[in-house]
Amino acid sequence: MLALVLTIVRRSDDMRGFVVLHKRWIVERLFAHLMRTRRLARDFERRTTSAEAMIYWSMTLLMTRRLARPHPQPA
């Protein structure tokens, strides 16, 4: 079992307009990456274990693409 700590990031009342909240932005970016996988765009899975496996598969694809990117060499 994972020991996770949930932190709720709230917007302060004195903010006006659009302000990027760092932690919320990380979660939104994760959801965007997951929605690029067509099977995760809708709730097709009957079991939570198969849905969890699809999330692992999607994140593995993302990480392998990032690792395969050519990195500029320092001069």
C-alpha atoms as a PDB file:
ATOM      1  CA  MET A   1       0.000   0.000   0.000  1.00  0.00           C
ATOM      2  CA  LEU A   2       1.238   3.481  -0.824  1.00  0.00           C
ATOM      3  CA  ALA A   3       1.592   6.112   1.854  1.00  0.00           C
ATOM      4  CA  LEU A   4       0.244   9.192   0.085  1.00  0.00           C
ATOM      5  CA  VAL A   5      -0.340  12.633   1.525  1.00  0.00           C
ATOM      6  CA  LEU A   6      -3.096  14.697  -0.080  1.00  0.00           C
ATOM      7  CA  THR A   7      -2.674  18.462  -0.030  1.00  0.00           C
ATOM      8  CA  ILE A   8      -5.503  20.684  -1.239  1.00  0.00           C
ATOM      9  CA  VAL A   9      -4.256  23.831  -2.969  1.00  0.00           C
ATOM     10  CA  ARG A  10      -6.770  26.656  -2.710  1.00  0.00           C
ATOM     11  CA  ARG A  11      -6.830  29.969  -4.435  1.00  0.00           C
ATOM     12  CA  SER A  12      -6.663  32.969  -2.142  1.00  0.00           C
ATOM     13  CA  ASP A  13      -9.611  35.380  -2.202  1.00  0.00           C
ATOM     14  CA  ASP A  14      -7.509  38.434  -3.132  1.00  0.00           C
ATOM     15  CA  MET A  15      -6.408  36.968  -6.505  1.00  0.00           C
ATOM     16  CA  ARG A  16      -8.160  38.236  -9.599  1.00  0.00           C
ATOM     17  CA  GLY A  17      -8.090  36.672 -13.036  1.00  0.00           C
ATOM     18  CA  PHE A  18      -6.111  33.614 -14.061  1.00  0.00           C
ATOM     19  CA  VAL A  19      -3.186  32.690 -11.821  1.00  0.00           C
ATOM     20  CA  VAL A  20      -1.196  29.471 -12.246  1.00  0.00           C
ATOM     21  CA  LEU A  21      -1.117  27.514  -9.014  1.00  0.00           C
ATOM     22  CA  HIS A  22       1.983  25.305  -9.077  1.00  0.00           C
ATOM     23  CA  LYS A  23       0.641  22.087  -7.516  1.00  0.00           C
ATOM     24  CA  ARG A  24      -2.665  22.270  -9.371  1.00  0.00           C
ATOM     25  CA  TRP A  25      -0.789  22.779 -12.637  1.00  0.00           C
ATOM     26  CA  ILE A  26       1.138  19.524 -12.052  1.00  0.00           C
ATOM     27  CA  VAL A  27      -2.112  17.591 -11.623  1.00  0.00           C
ATOM     28  CA  GLU A  28      -3.708  19.169 -14.693  1.00  0.00           C
ATOM     29  CA  ARG A  29      -0.623  18.329 -16.766  1.00  0.00           C
ATOM     30  CA  LEU A  30      -0.800  14.695 -15.560  1.00  0.00           C
ATOM     31  CA  PHE A  31      -4.463  14.468 -16.582  1.00  0.00           C
ATOM     32  CA  ALA A  32      -3.587  15.896 -20.013  1.00  0.00           C
ATOM     33  CA  HIS A  33      -0.910  13.241 -20.501  1.00  0.00           C
ATOM     34  CA  LEU A  34      -3.330  10.493 -19.471  1.00  0.00           C
ATOM     35  CA  MET A  35      -6.073  11.751 -21.805  1.00  0.00           C
ATOM     36  CA  ARG A  36      -3.707  11.439 -24.777  1.00  0.00           C
ATOM     37  CA  THR A  37      -4.035   7.672 -24.342  1.00  0.00           C
ATOM     38  CA  ARG A  38      -7.321   6.922 -26.096  1.00  0.00           C
ATOM     39  CA  ARG A  39      -8.283   4.035 -23.838  1.00  0.00           C
ATOM     40  CA  LEU A  40      -8.043   6.241 -20.748  1.00  0.00           C
ATOM     41  CA  ALA A  41     -10.117   9.046 -22.284  1.00  0.00           C
ATOM     42  CA  ARG A  42     -13.299   7.210 -21.302  1.00  0.00           C
ATOM     43  CA  ASP A  43     -14.119   4.828 -18.483  1.00  0.00           C
ATOM     44  CA  PHE A  44     -14.010   1.564 -20.446  1.00  0.00           C
ATOM     45  CA  GLU A  45     -12.346  -0.610 -17.826  1.00  0.00           C
ATOM     46  CA  ARG A  46     -14.476  -2.857 -15.642  1.00  0.00           C
ATOM     47  CA  ARG A  47     -11.790  -3.553 -13.091  1.00  0.00           C
ATOM     48  CA  THR A  48      -9.677  -1.028 -11.267  1.00  0.00           C
ATOM     49  CA  THR A  49      -6.621  -3.246 -11.757  1.00  0.00           C
ATOM     50  CA  SER A  50      -6.881  -3.020 -15.545  1.00  0.00           C
ATOM     51  CA  ALA A  51      -7.392   0.756 -15.346  1.00  0.00           C
ATOM     52  CA  GLU A  52      -4.316   0.996 -13.110  1.00  0.00           C
ATOM     53  CA  ALA A  53      -2.338  -1.083 -15.626  1.00  0.00           C
ATOM     54  CA  MET A  54      -3.381   1.294 -18.416  1.00  0.00           C
ATOM     55  CA  ILE A  55      -2.165   4.268 -16.367  1.00  0.00           C
ATOM     56  CA  TYR A  56       1.199   2.545 -15.839  1.00  0.00           C
ATOM     57  CA  TRP A  57       1.362   1.816 -19.569  1.00  0.00           C
ATOM     58  CA  SER A  58       0.576   5.426 -20.455  1.00  0.00           C
ATOM     59  CA  MET A  59       3.178   6.811 -18.051  1.00  0.00           C
ATOM     60  CA  THR A  60       5.763   4.291 -19.324  1.00  0.00           C
ATOM     61  CA  LEU A  61       5.187   5.545 -22.868  1.00  0.00           C
ATOM     62  CA  LEU A  62       5.605   9.132 -21.701  1.00  0.00           C
ATOM     63  CA  MET A  63       8.834   8.407 -19.831  1.00  0.00           C
ATOM     64  CA  THR A  64      10.380   6.386 -22.675  1.00  0.00           C
ATOM     65  CA  ARG A  65       9.646   9.230 -25.094  1.00  0.00           C
ATOM     66  CA  ARG A  66      11.304  11.684 -22.733  1.00  0.00           C
ATOM     67  CA  LEU A  67      14.338   9.442 -22.290  1.00  0.00           C
ATOM     68  CA  ALA A  68      14.681   8.862 -26.040  1.00  0.00           C
ATOM     69  CA  ARG A  69      14.788  12.588 -26.801  1.00  0.00           C
ATOM     70  CA  PRO A  70      18.203  13.794 -27.869  1.00  0.00           C
ATOM     71  CA  HIS A  71      19.769  15.983 -25.210  1.00  0.00           C
ATOM     72  CA  PRO A  72      22.100  18.828 -26.195  1.00  0.00           C
ATOM     73  CA  GLN A  73      25.696  18.153 -25.166  1.00  0.00           C
ATOM     74  CA  PRO A  74      27.416  20.806 -23.039  1.00  0.00           C
ATOM     75  CA  ALA A  75      30.192  22.639 -24.896  1.00  0.00           C
END
